[in-house]
């Protein structure tokens, strides 16, 4: 059998081969496009996972630094080392982890975009209380480290009912 294709005369086996090649090329192009979309999705997920992993490392360092300050006295306006107010403590700890934070609690809450709910707290998250008048750092297992008030020292406290009732919000620095 003879087939005319674009002015050329082809015999049946050649015509069939040409049709098969164009179908094969179309399938390859479709598969390549699907692979590109999948790889973009995969690379976006990989980038997000890497960012989260870096934040967790920084958070771990910030928690360790804050815990080392346990026993240091509270002093209004102090940013350490040696004495701290509440926002000075968390600023100092996160600075040692390589993250710059604003100086006062209200600014820390306002300027850090990643807000976190009570049930999604992770170590290193900053927790705000009493109308943004106090900040502490979540250290895990239902506890936080903070510098409470004049006459007190940096300590780790359980997050009980009063803390829950006065909780304003939390943020996750380092993202």
Protein backbone atom coordinates (compact mmCIF):
# COMPACT_ATOMS: atom_id res chain seq x y z
CA UNK A 1 0.00 0.00 0.00
CA UNK A 2 1.24 3.52 -0.82
CA UNK A 3 0.50 6.67 1.25
CA UNK A 4 1.12 10.27 0.24
CA UNK A 5 2.56 12.44 3.07
CA UNK A 6 3.44 16.05 2.32
CA UNK A 7 4.06 15.38 -1.34
CA UNK A 8 6.23 12.32 -0.64
CA UNK A 9 5.09 8.89 -1.48
CA UNK A 10 5.60 6.45 1.37
CA UNK A 11 5.00 2.77 1.52
CA UNK A 12 2.88 1.48 4.42
CA UNK A 13 5.73 0.37 6.74
CA UNK A 14 7.46 3.78 6.41
CA UNK A 15 4.19 5.68 7.02
CA UNK A 16 3.51 3.59 10.11
CA UNK A 17 7.02 4.28 11.43
CA UNK A 18 6.61 8.04 10.91
CA UNK A 19 3.29 8.02 12.80
CA UNK A 20 4.79 5.95 15.62
CA UNK A 21 7.77 8.33 15.92
CA UNK A 22 5.56 11.42 16.23
CA UNK A 23 3.39 9.71 18.87
CA UNK A 24 6.53 8.67 20.72
CA UNK A 25 7.88 12.24 20.61
CA UNK A 26 4.58 13.63 21.93
CA UNK A 27 4.61 11.10 24.79
CA UNK A 28 8.21 12.03 25.63
CA UNK A 29 7.36 15.73 25.68
CA UNK A 30 4.36 15.13 27.94
CA UNK A 31 6.46 12.97 30.27
CA UNK A 32 9.22 15.62 30.39
CA UNK A 33 6.69 18.34 31.24
CA UNK A 34 5.21 16.17 34.01
CA UNK A 35 8.70 15.48 35.36
CA UNK A 36 9.51 19.23 35.36
CA UNK A 37 6.36 20.00 37.35
CA UNK A 38 7.10 17.18 39.77
CA UNK A 39 10.72 18.28 40.20
CA UNK A 40 9.60 21.88 40.85
CA UNK A 41 7.19 20.63 43.50
CA UNK A 42 9.85 18.34 44.94
CA UNK A 43 12.48 21.06 44.98
CA UNK A 44 10.07 23.50 46.68
CA UNK A 45 9.32 20.85 49.31
CA UNK A 46 13.03 20.14 49.70
CA UNK A 47 13.79 23.84 50.15
CA UNK A 48 11.04 24.16 52.75
CA UNK A 49 12.31 21.08 54.60
CA UNK A 50 15.85 22.48 54.60
CA UNK A 51 14.60 25.82 55.95
CA UNK A 52 12.69 24.09 58.74
CA UNK A 53 15.74 21.97 59.59
CA UNK A 54 17.97 25.09 59.80
CA UNK A 55 15.41 26.79 62.06
CA UNK A 56 15.30 23.77 64.39
CA UNK A 57 19.09 23.80 64.73
CA UNK A 58 19.05 27.53 65.57
CA UNK A 59 16.16 27.02 68.00
CA UNK A 60 18.08 24.25 69.77
CA UNK A 61 21.06 26.55 70.18
CA UNK A 62 18.85 29.40 71.46
CA UNK A 63 17.21 27.09 74.02
CA UNK A 64 20.61 25.85 75.21
CA UNK A 65 21.89 29.42 75.61
CA UNK A 66 18.74 30.51 77.49
CA UNK A 67 18.97 27.50 79.84
CA UNK A 68 22.57 28.41 80.68
CA UNK A 69 21.30 31.75 82.01
CA UNK A 70 19.14 30.08 84.69
CA UNK A 71 20.01 31.71 88.00
CA UNK A 72 21.02 35.09 86.53
CA UNK A 73 19.16 38.00 88.16
CA UNK A 74 16.35 40.01 86.56
CA UNK A 75 17.26 43.62 85.88
CA UNK A 76 14.96 45.99 84.01
CA UNK A 77 16.39 46.82 80.57
CA UNK A 78 19.24 44.30 80.88
CA UNK A 79 20.30 42.31 77.83
CA UNK A 80 23.04 40.23 79.44
CA UNK A 81 25.33 38.66 79.96
CA UNK A 82 24.93 38.34 83.70
CA UNK A 83 21.45 39.85 84.11
CA UNK A 84 18.36 40.09 81.92
CA UNK A 85 14.84 41.34 81.63
CA UNK A 86 12.38 39.04 79.84
CA UNK A 87 12.84 40.34 76.29
CA UNK A 88 16.58 40.81 76.80
CA UNK A 89 16.91 37.11 77.65
CA UNK A 90 15.22 35.85 74.50
CA UNK A 91 17.01 38.45 72.36
CA UNK A 92 20.38 37.38 73.81
CA UNK A 93 19.70 33.65 73.31
CA UNK A 94 18.54 34.02 69.71
CA UNK A 95 21.44 36.37 68.91
CA UNK A 96 23.85 33.62 70.03
CA UNK A 97 22.00 31.32 67.61
CA UNK A 98 22.55 33.81 64.77
CA UNK A 99 19.10 35.45 64.66
CA UNK A 100 18.57 39.14 65.30
CA UNK A 101 15.42 40.06 67.25
CA UNK A 102 13.91 43.42 68.19
CA UNK A 103 14.61 44.63 71.74
CA UNK A 104 11.19 44.75 73.43
CA UNK A 105 8.49 42.07 73.73
CA UNK A 106 5.77 43.92 71.79
CA UNK A 107 8.14 44.52 68.86
CA UNK A 108 9.32 40.91 68.94
CA UNK A 109 5.72 39.73 68.60
CA UNK A 110 4.83 42.28 65.92
CA UNK A 111 7.89 41.86 63.68
CA UNK A 112 8.26 38.07 63.64
CA UNK A 113 5.85 36.87 60.96
CA UNK A 114 5.58 33.18 61.88
CA UNK A 115 2.81 33.08 64.49
CA UNK A 116 2.26 29.84 66.41
CA UNK A 117 -0.69 28.51 68.41
CA UNK A 118 -0.43 27.11 71.95
CA UNK A 119 -0.90 23.54 70.70
CA UNK A 120 1.82 23.87 68.02
CA UNK A 121 4.61 25.19 70.26
CA UNK A 122 8.12 23.90 69.58
CA UNK A 123 11.33 24.49 71.54
CA UNK A 124 12.68 27.98 70.82
CA UNK A 125 9.27 29.57 70.18
CA UNK A 126 8.69 32.86 71.98
CA UNK A 127 5.55 32.97 74.14
CA UNK A 128 3.88 36.25 75.02
CA UNK A 129 1.70 37.00 78.05
CA UNK A 130 -0.29 39.80 79.73
CA UNK A 131 -0.98 42.00 76.72
CA UNK A 132 2.56 41.53 75.35
CA UNK A 133 4.06 42.69 78.65
CA UNK A 134 6.04 39.50 79.19
CA UNK A 135 7.90 37.01 76.98
CA UNK A 136 9.47 33.62 77.64
CA UNK A 137 10.96 30.86 75.49
CA UNK A 138 9.32 27.47 75.16
CA UNK A 139 11.83 24.72 76.00
CA UNK A 140 9.59 21.70 75.45
CA UNK A 141 7.64 19.33 77.70
CA UNK A 142 5.21 22.05 78.82
CA UNK A 143 7.92 24.37 80.20
CA UNK A 144 9.43 27.76 79.41
CA UNK A 145 12.53 29.66 80.44
CA UNK A 146 12.06 33.32 81.33
CA UNK A 147 13.26 36.20 83.45
CA UNK A 148 10.14 36.96 85.51
CA UNK A 149 10.46 40.27 87.42
CA UNK A 150 12.53 42.38 89.80
CA UNK A 151 13.83 40.34 92.72
CA UNK A 152 13.59 37.08 90.77
CA UNK A 153 16.10 35.12 88.71
CA UNK A 154 15.99 33.49 85.30
CA UNK A 155 14.21 30.17 85.73
CA UNK A 156 12.31 27.39 84.01
CA UNK A 157 8.61 27.19 84.88
CA UNK A 158 5.80 24.80 83.99
CA UNK A 159 3.09 26.25 81.80
CA UNK A 160 0.11 25.95 84.10
CA UNK A 161 -3.40 27.35 84.10
CA UNK A 162 -2.47 30.96 84.85
CA UNK A 163 0.03 31.04 81.99
CA UNK A 164 -2.56 29.55 79.64
CA UNK A 165 -5.13 32.13 80.73
CA UNK A 166 -2.77 35.08 80.18
CA UNK A 167 -1.29 33.73 76.91
CA UNK A 168 -1.47 36.27 74.07
CA UNK A 169 0.36 34.40 71.31
CA UNK A 170 3.63 32.89 70.18
CA UNK A 171 6.09 33.33 67.32
CA UNK A 172 8.76 31.17 65.73
CA UNK A 173 11.99 33.12 65.08
CA UNK A 174 14.61 32.06 62.58
CA UNK A 175 12.37 31.11 59.64
